[in-house]
Amino acid sequence: PDLTGYEKFGLGNVKYNISRIHVTAVEFPSASISLIPGTGIKLVIGNVSLTVDMNWNIRTWMFKDSGRSTVYISKVFVTAIFSTPLDNAGHTSISLTSCRTTSGDINIKLNGKS
């Protein structure tokens, strides 16, 4: 979905709109799944990188600008724990118990009119 809003900076508000957000590349160089006895499943994904392209538009009382942007996110690590209990009928269900994500580097390239 598009992101629209405003932020207060010094002399006034900055209105922004980020649209046409597309993930153009994702890399999962390291992933593992292990069983946790009595609990469920542990998923670890390491050193993920992704590239996102988008349009952007900002407006203040002094100026307005718009353009394209590419965001590179790298060194992302995800650890998730899933519980796998049995229901009353003996069927296994799955639910997310915990999730932790960290990211290392973010590089943003803005191309605009100004």
PDB file of N, CA and C in Angstrom:
ATOM      1  N   PRO A   1       0.826  -1.208   0.000  1.00  0.00           N
ATOM      2  CA  PRO A   1       0.000   0.000   0.000  1.00  0.00           C
ATOM      3  C   PRO A   1       0.862   1.262   0.000  1.00  0.00           C
ATOM      4  N   ASP A   2       0.290   2.339  -0.474  1.00  0.00           N
ATOM      5  CA  ASP A   2       0.972   3.632  -0.470  1.00  0.00           C
ATOM      6  C   ASP A   2       1.102   4.155   0.959  1.00  0.00           C
ATOM      7  N   LEU A   3       2.116   4.985   1.190  1.00  0.00           N
ATOM      8  CA  LEU A   3       2.323   5.617   2.490  1.00  0.00           C
ATOM      9  C   LEU A   3       2.135   7.112   2.318  1.00  0.00           C
ATOM     10  N   THR A   4       1.232   7.697   3.089  1.00  0.00           N
ATOM     11  CA  THR A   4       0.955   9.126   3.014  1.00  0.00           C
ATOM     12  C   THR A   4       0.900   9.681   4.426  1.00  0.00           C
ATOM     13  N   GLY A   5       1.436  10.896   4.600  1.00  0.00           N
ATOM     14  CA  GLY A   5       1.376  11.506   5.919  1.00  0.00           C
ATOM     15  C   GLY A   5       2.109  12.819   5.950  1.00  0.00           C
ATOM     16  N   TYR A   6       2.423  13.275   7.176  1.00  0.00           N
ATOM     17  CA  TYR A   6       3.188  14.510   7.323  1.00  0.00           C
ATOM     18  C   TYR A   6       4.036  14.426   8.580  1.00  0.00           C
ATOM     19  N   GLU A   7       5.098  15.191   8.566  1.00  0.00           N
ATOM     20  CA  GLU A   7       6.002  15.299   9.700  1.00  0.00           C
ATOM     21  C   GLU A   7       6.229  16.777   9.979  1.00  0.00           C
ATOM     22  N   LYS A   8       6.379  17.138  11.260  1.00  0.00           N
ATOM     23  CA  LYS A   8       6.677  18.530  11.635  1.00  0.00           C
ATOM     24  C   LYS A   8       8.187  18.721  11.668  1.00  0.00           C
ATOM     25  N   PHE A   9       8.652  19.739  10.955  1.00  0.00           N
ATOM     26  CA  PHE A   9      10.059  20.117  10.951  1.00  0.00           C
ATOM     27  C   PHE A   9      10.152  21.621  11.096  1.00  0.00           C
ATOM     28  N   GLY A  10      10.861  22.084  12.087  1.00  0.00           N
ATOM     29  CA  GLY A  10      11.177  23.491  12.275  1.00  0.00           C
ATOM     30  C   GLY A  10      10.091  24.475  11.895  1.00  0.00           C
ATOM     31  N   LEU A  11      10.090  24.934  10.645  1.00  0.00           N
ATOM     32  CA  LEU A  11       9.201  25.997  10.211  1.00  0.00           C
ATOM     33  C   LEU A  11       7.839  25.529   9.704  1.00  0.00           C
ATOM     34  N   GLY A  12       7.595  24.254   9.682  1.00  0.00           N
ATOM     35  CA  GLY A  12       6.294  23.809   9.191  1.00  0.00           C
ATOM     36  C   GLY A  12       6.227  22.313   8.977  1.00  0.00           C
ATOM     37  N   ASN A  13       5.154  21.901   8.320  1.00  0.00           N
ATOM     38  CA  ASN A  13       4.922  20.496   8.056  1.00  0.00           C
ATOM     39  C   ASN A  13       5.484  20.101   6.696  1.00  0.00           C
ATOM     40  N   VAL A  14       5.948  18.870   6.619  1.00  0.00           N
ATOM     41  CA  VAL A  14       6.350  18.277   5.352  1.00  0.00           C
ATOM     42  C   VAL A  14       5.343  17.177   5.055  1.00  0.00           C
ATOM     43  N   LYS A  15       4.593  17.355   3.970  1.00  0.00           N
ATOM     44  CA  LYS A  15       3.647  16.325   3.549  1.00  0.00           C
ATOM     45  C   LYS A  15       4.366  15.401   2.575  1.00  0.00           C
ATOM     46  N   TYR A  16       4.116  14.096   2.719  1.00  0.00           N
ATOM     47  CA  TYR A  16       4.791  13.144   1.843  1.00  0.00           C
ATOM     48  C   TYR A  16       3.823  12.081   1.341  1.00  0.00           C
ATOM     49  N   ASN A  17       4.190  11.503   0.222  1.00  0.00           N
ATOM     50  CA  ASN A  17       3.458  10.385  -0.348  1.00  0.00           C
ATOM     51  C   ASN A  17       4.488   9.456  -0.987  1.00  0.00           C
ATOM     52  N   ILE A  18       4.461   8.205  -0.609  1.00  0.00           N
ATOM     53  CA  ILE A  18       5.318   7.183  -1.198  1.00  0.00           C
ATOM     54  C   ILE A  18       4.391   6.175  -1.855  1.00  0.00           C
ATOM     55  N   SER A  19       4.570   5.972  -3.162  1.00  0.00           N
ATOM     56  CA  SER A  19       3.643   5.113  -3.911  1.00  0.00           C
ATOM     57  C   SER A  19       4.398   4.169  -4.838  1.00  0.00           C
ATOM     58  N   ARG A  20       3.655   3.240  -5.409  1.00  0.00           N
ATOM     59  CA  ARG A  20       4.194   2.250  -6.352  1.00  0.00           C
ATOM     60  C   ARG A  20       5.418   1.557  -5.768  1.00  0.00           C
ATOM     61  N   ILE A  21       5.260   1.062  -4.553  1.00  0.00           N
ATOM     62  CA  ILE A  21       6.344   0.382  -3.842  1.00  0.00           C
ATOM     63  C   ILE A  21       6.459  -1.041  -4.381  1.00  0.00           C
ATOM     64  N   HIS A  22       7.654  -1.380  -4.893  1.00  0.00           N
ATOM     65  CA  HIS A  22       7.888  -2.713  -5.464  1.00  0.00           C
ATOM     66  C   HIS A  22       9.189  -3.286  -4.924  1.00  0.00           C
ATOM     67  N   VAL A  23       9.112  -4.496  -4.389  1.00  0.00           N
ATOM     68  CA  VAL A  23      10.326  -5.218  -4.008  1.00  0.00           C
ATOM     69  C   VAL A  23      10.858  -5.841  -5.295  1.00  0.00           C
ATOM     70  N   THR A  24      12.057  -5.426  -5.707  1.00  0.00           N
ATOM     71  CA  THR A  24      12.595  -5.876  -6.991  1.00  0.00           C
ATOM     72  C   THR A  24      13.631  -6.980  -6.869  1.00  0.00           C
ATOM     73  N   ALA A  25      14.189  -7.178  -5.667  1.00  0.00           N
ATOM     74  CA  ALA A  25      15.167  -8.248  -5.463  1.00  0.00           C
ATOM     75  C   ALA A  25      15.204  -8.638  -3.991  1.00  0.00           C
ATOM     76  N   VAL A  26      15.322  -9.946  -3.751  1.00  0.00           N
ATOM     77  CA  VAL A  26      15.461 -10.483  -2.391  1.00  0.00           C
ATOM     78  C   VAL A  26      16.458 -11.628  -2.453  1.00  0.00           C
ATOM     79  N   GLU A  27      17.388 -11.654  -1.512  1.00  0.00           N
ATOM     80  CA  GLU A  27      18.353 -12.749  -1.425  1.00  0.00           C
ATOM     81  C   GLU A  27      18.355 -13.332  -0.022  1.00  0.00           C
ATOM     82  N   PHE A  28      18.257 -14.665   0.067  1.00  0.00           N
ATOM     83  CA  PHE A  28      18.303 -15.410   1.330  1.00  0.00           C
ATOM     84  C   PHE A  28      19.519 -16.338   1.290  1.00  0.00           C
ATOM     85  N   PRO A  29      20.731 -15.827   1.529  1.00  0.00           N
ATOM     86  CA  PRO A  29      21.904 -16.686   1.397  1.00  0.00           C
ATOM     87  C   PRO A  29      22.046 -17.733   2.496  1.00  0.00           C
ATOM     88  N   SER A  30      21.380 -17.526   3.629  1.00  0.00           N
ATOM     89  CA  SER A  30      21.533 -18.456   4.744  1.00  0.00           C
ATOM     90  C   SER A  30      20.203 -18.617   5.469  1.00  0.00           C
ATOM     91  N   ALA A  31      19.703 -19.856   5.522  1.00  0.00           N
ATOM     92  CA  ALA A  31      18.457 -20.131   6.241  1.00  0.00           C
ATOM     93  C   ALA A  31      18.542 -21.523   6.855  1.00  0.00           C
ATOM     94  N   SER A  32      17.970 -21.653   8.047  1.00  0.00           N
ATOM     95  CA  SER A  32      17.931 -22.967   8.695  1.00  0.00           C
ATOM     96  C   SER A  32      16.649 -23.122   9.492  1.00  0.00           C
ATOM     97  N   ILE A  33      16.217 -24.366   9.585  1.00  0.00           N
ATOM     98  CA  ILE A  33      15.038 -24.719  10.380  1.00  0.00           C
ATOM     99  C   ILE A  33      15.450 -25.830  11.328  1.00  0.00           C
ATOM    100  N   SER A  34      15.078 -25.681  12.607  1.00  0.00           N
ATOM    101  CA  SER A  34      15.387 -26.724  13.576  1.00  0.00           C
ATOM    102  C   SER A  34      14.175 -26.956  14.469  1.00  0.00           C
ATOM    103  N   LEU A  35      14.095 -28.148  15.022  1.00  0.00           N
ATOM    104  CA  LEU A  35      13.016 -28.496  15.947  1.00  0.00           C
ATOM    105  C   LEU A  35      13.434 -28.170  17.368  1.00  0.00           C
ATOM    106  N   ILE A  36      12.512 -27.624  18.140  1.00  0.00           N
ATOM    107  CA  ILE A  36      12.741 -27.348  19.555  1.00  0.00           C
ATOM    108  C   ILE A  36      11.836 -28.308  20.324  1.00  0.00           C
ATOM    109  N   PRO A  37      12.401 -29.318  20.962  1.00  0.00           N
ATOM    110  CA  PRO A  37      11.578 -30.314  21.653  1.00  0.00           C
ATOM    111  C   PRO A  37      10.606 -29.679  22.649  1.00  0.00           C
ATOM    112  N   GLY A  38       9.357 -30.075  22.564  1.00  0.00           N
ATOM    113  CA  GLY A  38       8.326 -29.590  23.477  1.00  0.00           C
ATOM    114  C   GLY A  38       7.800 -28.207  23.148  1.00  0.00           C
ATOM    115  N   THR A  39       8.365 -27.560  22.139  1.00  0.00           N
ATOM    116  CA  THR A  39       7.943 -26.197  21.803  1.00  0.00           C
ATOM    117  C   THR A  39       7.454 -26.079  20.374  1.00  0.00           C
ATOM    118  N   GLY A  40       8.312 -26.403  19.418  1.00  0.00           N
ATOM    119  CA  GLY A  40       7.914 -26.244  18.028  1.00  0.00           C
ATOM    120  C   GLY A  40       9.084 -26.150  17.088  1.00  0.00           C
ATOM    121  N   ILE A  41       9.117 -25.088  16.309  1.00  0.00           N
ATOM    122  CA  ILE A  41      10.077 -24.934  15.222  1.00  0.00           C
ATOM    123  C   ILE A  41      10.787 -23.590  15.351  1.00  0.00           C
ATOM    124  N   LYS A  42      12.091 -23.588  15.095  1.00  0.00           N
ATOM    125  CA  LYS A  42      12.874 -22.363  15.080  1.00  0.00           C
ATOM    126  C   LYS A  42      13.366 -22.140  13.651  1.00  0.00           C
ATOM    127  N   LEU A  43      13.102 -20.946  13.122  1.00  0.00           N
ATOM    128  CA  LEU A  43      13.525 -20.558  11.784  1.00  0.00           C
ATOM    129  C   LEU A  43      14.529 -19.422  11.921  1.00  0.00           C
ATOM    130  N   VAL A  44      15.711 -19.578  11.328  1.00  0.00           N
ATOM    131  CA  VAL A  44      16.736 -18.536  11.354  1.00  0.00           C
ATOM    132  C   VAL A  44      17.111 -18.216   9.914  1.00  0.00           C
ATOM    133  N   ILE A  45      16.980 -16.955   9.552  1.00  0.00           N
ATOM    134  CA  ILE A  45      17.356 -16.494   8.221  1.00  0.00           C
ATOM    135  C   ILE A  45      18.412 -15.421   8.417  1.00  0.00           C
ATOM    136  N   GLY A  46      19.581 -15.603   7.788  1.00  0.00           N
ATOM    137  CA  GLY A  46      20.681 -14.686   8.014  1.00  0.00           C
ATOM    138  C   GLY A  46      21.175 -13.993   6.762  1.00  0.00           C
ATOM    139  N   ASN A  47      21.647 -12.789   6.950  1.00  0.00           N
ATOM    140  CA  ASN A  47      22.283 -11.985   5.914  1.00  0.00           C
ATOM    141  C   ASN A  47      21.394 -11.761   4.688  1.00  0.00           C
ATOM    142  N   VAL A  48      20.134 -11.485   4.936  1.00  0.00           N
ATOM    143  CA  VAL A  48      19.171 -11.221   3.866  1.00  0.00           C
ATOM    144  C   VAL A  48      19.430  -9.823   3.296  1.00  0.00           C
ATOM    145  N   SER A  49      19.215  -9.673   2.002  1.00  0.00           N
ATOM    146  CA  SER A  49      19.273  -8.342   1.399  1.00  0.00           C
ATOM    147  C   SER A  49      18.078  -8.184   0.472  1.00  0.00           C
ATOM    148  N   LEU A  50      17.614  -6.938   0.326  1.00  0.00           N
ATOM    149  CA  LEU A  50      16.515  -6.683  -0.589  1.00  0.00           C
ATOM    150  C   LEU A  50      16.622  -5.291  -1.177  1.00  0.00           C
ATOM    151  N   THR A  51      15.998  -5.136  -2.328  1.00  0.00           N
ATOM    152  CA  THR A  51      15.967  -3.860  -3.036  1.00  0.00           C
ATOM    153  C   THR A  51      14.516  -3.487  -3.262  1.00  0.00           C
ATOM    154  N   VAL A  52      14.180  -2.225  -2.955  1.00  0.00           N
ATOM    155  CA  VAL A  52      12.811  -1.732  -3.085  1.00  0.00           C
ATOM    156  C   VAL A  52      12.841  -0.447  -3.928  1.00  0.00           C
ATOM    157  N   ASP A  53      12.015  -0.399  -4.966  1.00  0.00           N
ATOM    158  CA  ASP A  53      11.853   0.811  -5.782  1.00  0.00           C
ATOM    159  C   ASP A  53      10.517   1.454  -5.461  1.00  0.00           C
ATOM    160  N   MET A  54      10.452   2.796  -5.555  1.00  0.00           N
ATOM    161  CA  MET A  54       9.208   3.489  -5.237  1.00  0.00           C
ATOM    162  C   MET A  54       9.209   4.890  -5.851  1.00  0.00           C
ATOM    163  N   ASN A  55       8.031   5.471  -5.950  1.00  0.00           N
ATOM    164  CA  ASN A  55       7.871   6.886  -6.287  1.00  0.00           C
ATOM    165  C   ASN A  55       7.709   7.651  -4.986  1.00  0.00           C
ATOM    166  N   TRP A  56       8.154   8.898  -4.954  1.00  0.00           N
ATOM    167  CA  TRP A  56       7.977   9.730  -3.770  1.00  0.00           C
ATOM    168  C   TRP A  56       7.583  11.138  -4.184  1.00  0.00           C
ATOM    169  N   ASN A  57       6.918  11.822  -3.250  1.00  0.00           N
ATOM    170  CA  ASN A  57       6.451  13.177  -3.481  1.00  0.00           C
ATOM    171  C   ASN A  57       6.446  13.871  -2.132  1.00  0.00           C
ATOM    172  N   ILE A  58       7.099  15.044  -2.028  1.00  0.00           N
ATOM    173  CA  ILE A  58       7.054  15.824  -0.787  1.00  0.00           C
ATOM    174  C   ILE A  58       6.614  17.239  -1.112  1.00  0.00           C
ATOM    175  N   ARG A  59       5.994  17.875  -0.092  1.00  0.00           N
ATOM    176  CA  ARG A  59       5.503  19.242  -0.272  1.00  0.00           C
ATOM    177  C   ARG A  59       5.598  19.973   1.064  1.00  0.00           C
ATOM    178  N   THR A  60       6.155  21.171   1.011  1.00  0.00           N
ATOM    179  CA  THR A  60       6.174  22.066   2.168  1.00  0.00           C
ATOM    180  C   THR A  60       5.601  23.401   1.719  1.00  0.00           C
ATOM    181  N   TRP A  61       5.528  24.364   2.623  1.00  0.00           N
ATOM    182  CA  TRP A  61       5.031  25.681   2.244  1.00  0.00           C
ATOM    183  C   TRP A  61       6.014  26.392   1.325  1.00  0.00           C
ATOM    184  N   MET A  62       7.306  25.950   1.308  1.00  0.00           N
ATOM    185  CA  MET A  62       8.321  26.605   0.485  1.00  0.00           C
ATOM    186  C   MET A  62       8.546  25.936  -0.876  1.00  0.00           C
ATOM    187  N   PHE A  63       8.437  24.622  -0.942  1.00  0.00           N
ATOM    188  CA  PHE A  63       8.737  23.916  -2.195  1.00  0.00           C
ATOM    189  C   PHE A  63       8.025  22.577  -2.246  1.00  0.00           C
ATOM    190  N   LYS A  64       8.063  21.998  -3.442  1.00  0.00           N
ATOM    191  CA  LYS A  64       7.569  20.638  -3.622  1.00  0.00           C
ATOM    192  C   LYS A  64       8.517  19.928  -4.576  1.00  0.00           C
ATOM    193  N   ASP A  65       8.613  18.624  -4.436  1.00  0.00           N
ATOM    194  CA  ASP A  65       9.482  17.836  -5.295  1.00  0.00           C
ATOM    195  C   ASP A  65       8.943  16.414  -5.353  1.00  0.00           C
ATOM    196  N   SER A  66       9.337  15.699  -6.376  1.00  0.00           N
ATOM    197  CA  SER A  66       8.918  14.305  -6.536  1.00  0.00           C
ATOM    198  C   SER A  66       9.967  13.580  -7.364  1.00  0.00           C
ATOM    199  N   GLY A  67       9.908  12.267  -7.345  1.00  0.00           N
ATOM    200  CA  GLY A  67      10.854  11.479  -8.117  1.00  0.00           C
ATOM    201  C   GLY A  67      10.745  10.004  -7.807  1.00  0.00           C
ATOM    202  N   ARG A  68      11.818   9.294  -8.132  1.00  0.00           N
ATOM    203  CA  ARG A  68      11.916   7.861  -7.875  1.00  0.00           C
ATOM    204  C   ARG A  68      12.975   7.632  -6.809  1.00  0.00           C
ATOM    205  N   SER A  69      12.866   6.502  -6.135  1.00  0.00           N
ATOM    206  CA  SER A  69      13.837   6.167  -5.108  1.00  0.00           C
ATOM    207  C   SER A  69      14.100   4.667  -5.135  1.00  0.00           C
ATOM    208  N   THR A  70      15.335   4.309  -4.820  1.00  0.00           N
ATOM    209  CA  THR A  70      15.702   2.904  -4.654  1.00  0.00           C
ATOM    210  C   THR A  70      16.305   2.754  -3.264  1.00  0.00           C
ATOM    211  N   VAL A  71      15.803   1.782  -2.512  1.00  0.00           N
ATOM    212  CA  VAL A  71      16.287   1.513  -1.164  1.00  0.00           C
ATOM    213  C   VAL A  71      16.936   0.136  -1.154  1.00  0.00           C
ATOM    214  N   TYR A  72      18.193   0.093  -0.702  1.00  0.00           N
ATOM    215  CA  TYR A  72      18.918  -1.171  -0.555  1.00  0.00           C
ATOM    216  C   TYR A  72      19.036  -1.471   0.931  1.00  0.00           C
ATOM    217  N   ILE A  73      18.526  -2.616   1.352  1.00  0.00           N
ATOM    218  CA  ILE A  73      18.595  -3.030   2.756  1.00  0.00           C
ATOM    219  C   ILE A  73      19.407  -4.322   2.797  1.00  0.00           C
ATOM    220  N   SER A  74      20.441  -4.356   3.644  1.00  0.00           N
ATOM    221  CA  SER A  74      21.278  -5.549   3.711  1.00  0.00           C
ATOM    222  C   SER A  74      21.597  -5.904   5.153  1.00  0.00           C
ATOM    223  N   LYS A  75      22.170  -7.068   5.318  1.00  0.00           N
ATOM    224  CA  LYS A  75      22.534  -7.593   6.641  1.00  0.00           C
ATOM    225  C   LYS A  75      21.313  -7.707   7.550  1.00  0.00           C
ATOM    226  N   VAL A  76      20.216  -8.219   7.000  1.00  0.00           N
ATOM    227  CA  VAL A  76      18.989  -8.433   7.766  1.00  0.00           C
ATOM    228  C   VAL A  76      19.027  -9.854   8.340  1.00  0.00           C
ATOM    229  N   PHE A  77      18.712  -9.963   9.631  1.00  0.00           N
ATOM    230  CA  PHE A  77      18.675 -11.257  10.303  1.00  0.00           C
ATOM    231  C   PHE A  77      17.310 -11.438  10.958  1.00  0.00           C
ATOM    232  N   VAL A  78      16.714 -12.616  10.761  1.00  0.00           N
ATOM    233  CA  VAL A  78      15.388 -12.918  11.301  1.00  0.00           C
ATOM    234  C   VAL A  78      15.463 -14.227  12.071  1.00  0.00           C
ATOM    235  N   THR A  79      14.931 -14.221  13.291  1.00  0.00           N
ATOM    236  CA  THR A  79      14.779 -15.445  14.070  1.00  0.00           C
ATOM    237  C   THR A  79      13.322 -15.520  14.494  1.00  0.00           C
ATOM    238  N   ALA A  80      12.665 -16.616  14.158  1.00  0.00           N
ATOM    239  CA  ALA A  80      11.247 -16.799  14.489  1.00  0.00           C
ATOM    240  C   ALA A  80      11.053 -18.150  15.169  1.00  0.00           C
ATOM    241  N   ILE A  81      10.212 -18.167  16.191  1.00  0.00           N
ATOM    242  CA  ILE A  81       9.845 -19.394  16.899  1.00  0.00           C
ATOM    243  C   ILE A  81       8.357 -19.635  16.668  1.00  0.00           C
ATOM    244  N   PHE A  82       8.031 -20.830  16.208  1.00  0.00           N
ATOM    245  CA  PHE A  82       6.637 -21.218  15.971  1.00  0.00           C
ATOM    246  C   PHE A  82       6.281 -22.345  16.929  1.00  0.00           C
ATOM    247  N   SER A  83       5.133 -22.221  17.597  1.00  0.00           N
ATOM    248  CA  SER A  83       4.645 -23.328  18.419  1.00  0.00           C
ATOM    249  C   SER A  83       3.767 -24.213  17.546  1.00  0.00           C
ATOM    250  N   THR A  84       3.763 -25.508  17.860  1.00  0.00           N
ATOM    251  CA  THR A  84       3.007 -26.475  17.048  1.00  0.00           C
ATOM    252  C   THR A  84       2.166 -27.378  17.950  1.00  0.00           C
ATOM    253  N   PRO A  85       1.188 -26.809  18.652  1.00  0.00           N
ATOM    254  CA  PRO A  85       0.367 -27.632  19.552  1.00  0.00           C
ATOM    255  C   PRO A  85      -0.658 -28.465  18.776  1.00  0.00           C
ATOM    256  N   LEU A  86      -1.159 -29.491  19.454  1.00  0.00           N
ATOM    257  CA  LEU A  86      -2.245 -30.306  18.905  1.00  0.00           C
ATOM    258  C   LEU A  86      -3.566 -29.771  19.447  1.00  0.00           C
ATOM    259  N   ASP A  87      -4.595 -29.711  18.589  1.00  0.00           N
ATOM    260  CA  ASP A  87      -5.917 -29.306  19.069  1.00  0.00           C
ATOM    261  C   ASP A  87      -6.637 -30.520  19.646  1.00  0.00           C
ATOM    262  N   ASN A  88      -7.894 -30.356  20.077  1.00  0.00           N
ATOM    263  CA  ASN A  88      -8.651 -31.442  20.712  1.00  0.00           C
ATOM    264  C   ASN A  88      -8.877 -32.628  19.783  1.00  0.00           C
ATOM    265  N   ALA A  89      -8.870 -32.391  18.472  1.00  0.00           N
ATOM    266  CA  ALA A  89      -9.071 -33.466  17.499  1.00  0.00           C
ATOM    267  C   ALA A  89      -7.754 -34.133  17.116  1.00  0.00           C
ATOM    268  N   GLY A  90      -6.645 -33.650  17.666  1.00  0.00           N
ATOM    269  CA  GLY A  90      -5.342 -34.239  17.359  1.00  0.00           C
ATOM    270  C   GLY A  90      -4.664 -33.643  16.132  1.00  0.00           C
ATOM    271  N   HIS A  91      -5.202 -32.560  15.606  1.00  0.00           N
ATOM    272  CA  HIS A  91      -4.595 -31.897  14.457  1.00  0.00           C
ATOM    273  C   HIS A  91      -3.542 -30.890  14.932  1.00  0.00           C
ATOM    274  N   THR A  92      -2.458 -30.801  14.179  1.00  0.00           N
ATOM    275  CA  THR A  92      -1.406 -29.845  14.514  1.00  0.00           C
ATOM    276  C   THR A  92      -1.764 -28.466  13.988  1.00  0.00           C
ATOM    277  N   SER A  93      -1.580 -27.477  14.826  1.00  0.00           N
ATOM    278  CA  SER A  93      -1.731 -26.087  14.388  1.00  0.00           C
ATOM    279  C   SER A  93      -0.372 -25.413  14.519  1.00  0.00           C
ATOM    280  N   ILE A  94      -0.247 -24.249  13.936  1.00  0.00           N
ATOM    281  CA  ILE A  94       1.017 -23.528  14.013  1.00  0.00           C
ATOM    282  C   ILE A  94       0.722 -22.064  14.309  1.00  0.00           C
ATOM    283  N   SER A  95       1.499 -21.488  15.227  1.00  0.00           N
ATOM    284  CA  SER A  95       1.341 -20.067  15.528  1.00  0.00           C
ATOM    285  C   SER A  95       2.709 -19.474  15.849  1.00  0.00           C
ATOM    286  N   LEU A  96       2.865 -18.219  15.513  1.00  0.00           N
ATOM    287  CA  LEU A  96       4.114 -17.508  15.758  1.00  0.00           C
ATOM    288  C   LEU A  96       4.193 -17.139  17.229  1.00  0.00           C
ATOM    289  N   THR A  97       5.225 -17.620  17.909  1.00  0.00           N
ATOM    290  CA  THR A  97       5.422 -17.348  19.327  1.00  0.00           C
ATOM    291  C   THR A  97       6.292 -16.117  19.532  1.00  0.00           C
ATOM    292  N   SER A  98       7.365 -16.014  18.767  1.00  0.00           N
ATOM    293  CA  SER A  98       8.237 -14.845  18.865  1.00  0.00           C
ATOM    294  C   SER A  98       8.944 -14.617  17.535  1.00  0.00           C
ATOM    295  N   CYS A  99       9.326 -13.362  17.316  1.00  0.00           N
ATOM    296  CA  CYS A  99      10.034 -13.010  16.091  1.00  0.00           C
ATOM    297  C   CYS A  99      10.960 -11.837  16.403  1.00  0.00           C
ATOM    298  N   ARG A 100      12.187 -11.940  15.958  1.00  0.00           N
ATOM    299  CA  ARG A 100      13.158 -10.858  16.147  1.00  0.00           C
ATOM    300  C   ARG A 100      13.848 -10.597  14.820  1.00  0.00           C
ATOM    301  N   THR A 101      13.905  -9.326  14.441  1.00  0.00           N
ATOM    302  CA  THR A 101      14.522  -8.925  13.186  1.00  0.00           C
ATOM    303  C   THR A 101      15.481  -7.769  13.447  1.00  0.00           C
ATOM    304  N   THR A 102      16.660  -7.854  12.857  1.00  0.00           N
ATOM    305  CA  THR A 102      17.609  -6.739  12.902  1.00  0.00           C
ATOM    306  C   THR A 102      18.095  -6.468  11.485  1.00  0.00           C
ATOM    307  N   SER A 103      18.403  -5.209  11.213  1.00  0.00           N
ATOM    308  CA  SER A 103      18.966  -4.873   9.904  1.00  0.00           C
ATOM    309  C   SER A 103      20.257  -4.099  10.112  1.00  0.00           C
ATOM    310  N   GLY A 104      21.199  -4.288   9.212  1.00  0.00           N
ATOM    311  CA  GLY A 104      22.500  -3.665   9.349  1.00  0.00           C
ATOM    312  C   GLY A 104      22.645  -2.387   8.565  1.00  0.00           C
ATOM    313  N   ASP A 105      22.485  -2.446   7.249  1.00  0.00           N
ATOM    314  CA  ASP A 105      22.740  -1.301   6.390  1.00  0.00           C
ATOM    315  C   ASP A 105      21.519  -0.943   5.564  1.00  0.00           C
ATOM    316  N   ILE A 106      21.272   0.355   5.455  1.00  0.00           N
ATOM    317  CA  ILE A 106      20.203   0.860   4.585  1.00  0.00           C
ATOM    318  C   ILE A 106      20.808   1.980   3.751  1.00  0.00           C
ATOM    319  N   ASN A 107      20.683   1.852   2.426  1.00  0.00           N
ATOM    320  CA  ASN A 107      21.198   2.851   1.497  1.00  0.00           C
ATOM    321  C   ASN A 107      20.029   3.350   0.666  1.00  0.00           C
ATOM    322  N   ILE A 108      19.777   4.661   0.683  1.00  0.00           N
ATOM    323  CA  ILE A 108      18.644   5.244  -0.035  1.00  0.00           C
ATOM    324  C   ILE A 108      19.167   6.169  -1.136  1.00  0.00           C
ATOM    325  N   LYS A 109      18.728   5.928  -2.361  1.00  0.00           N
ATOM    326  CA  LYS A 109      19.082   6.806  -3.479  1.00  0.00           C
ATOM    327  C   LYS A 109      17.825   7.507  -3.954  1.00  0.00           C
ATOM    328  N   LEU A 110      17.844   8.856  -3.890  1.00  0.00           N
ATOM    329  CA  LEU A 110      16.709   9.652  -4.323  1.00  0.00           C
ATOM    330  C   LEU A 110      17.028  10.312  -5.654  1.00  0.00           C
ATOM    331  N   ASN A 111      16.117  10.192  -6.595  1.00  0.00           N
ATOM    332  CA  ASN A 111      16.226  10.881  -7.874  1.00  0.00           C
ATOM    333  C   ASN A 111      15.020  11.780  -7.990  1.00  0.00           C
ATOM    334  N   GLY A 112      15.249  13.090  -8.034  1.00  0.00           N
ATOM    335  CA  GLY A 112      14.134  14.030  -8.110  1.00  0.00           C
ATOM    336  C   GLY A 112      14.430  15.172  -9.042  1.00  0.00           C
ATOM    337  N   LYS A 113      13.519  16.083  -9.073  1.00  0.00           N
ATOM    338  CA  LYS A 113      13.647  17.239  -9.965  1.00  0.00           C
ATOM    339  C   LYS A 113      14.623  18.266  -9.432  1.00  0.00           C
ATOM    340  N   SER A 114      14.673  18.416  -8.096  1.00  0.00           N
ATOM    341  CA  SER A 114      15.543  19.453  -7.498  1.00  0.00           C
ATOM    342  C   SER A 114      16.951  18.946  -7.310  1.00  0.00           C
TER     343      SER A 114
END
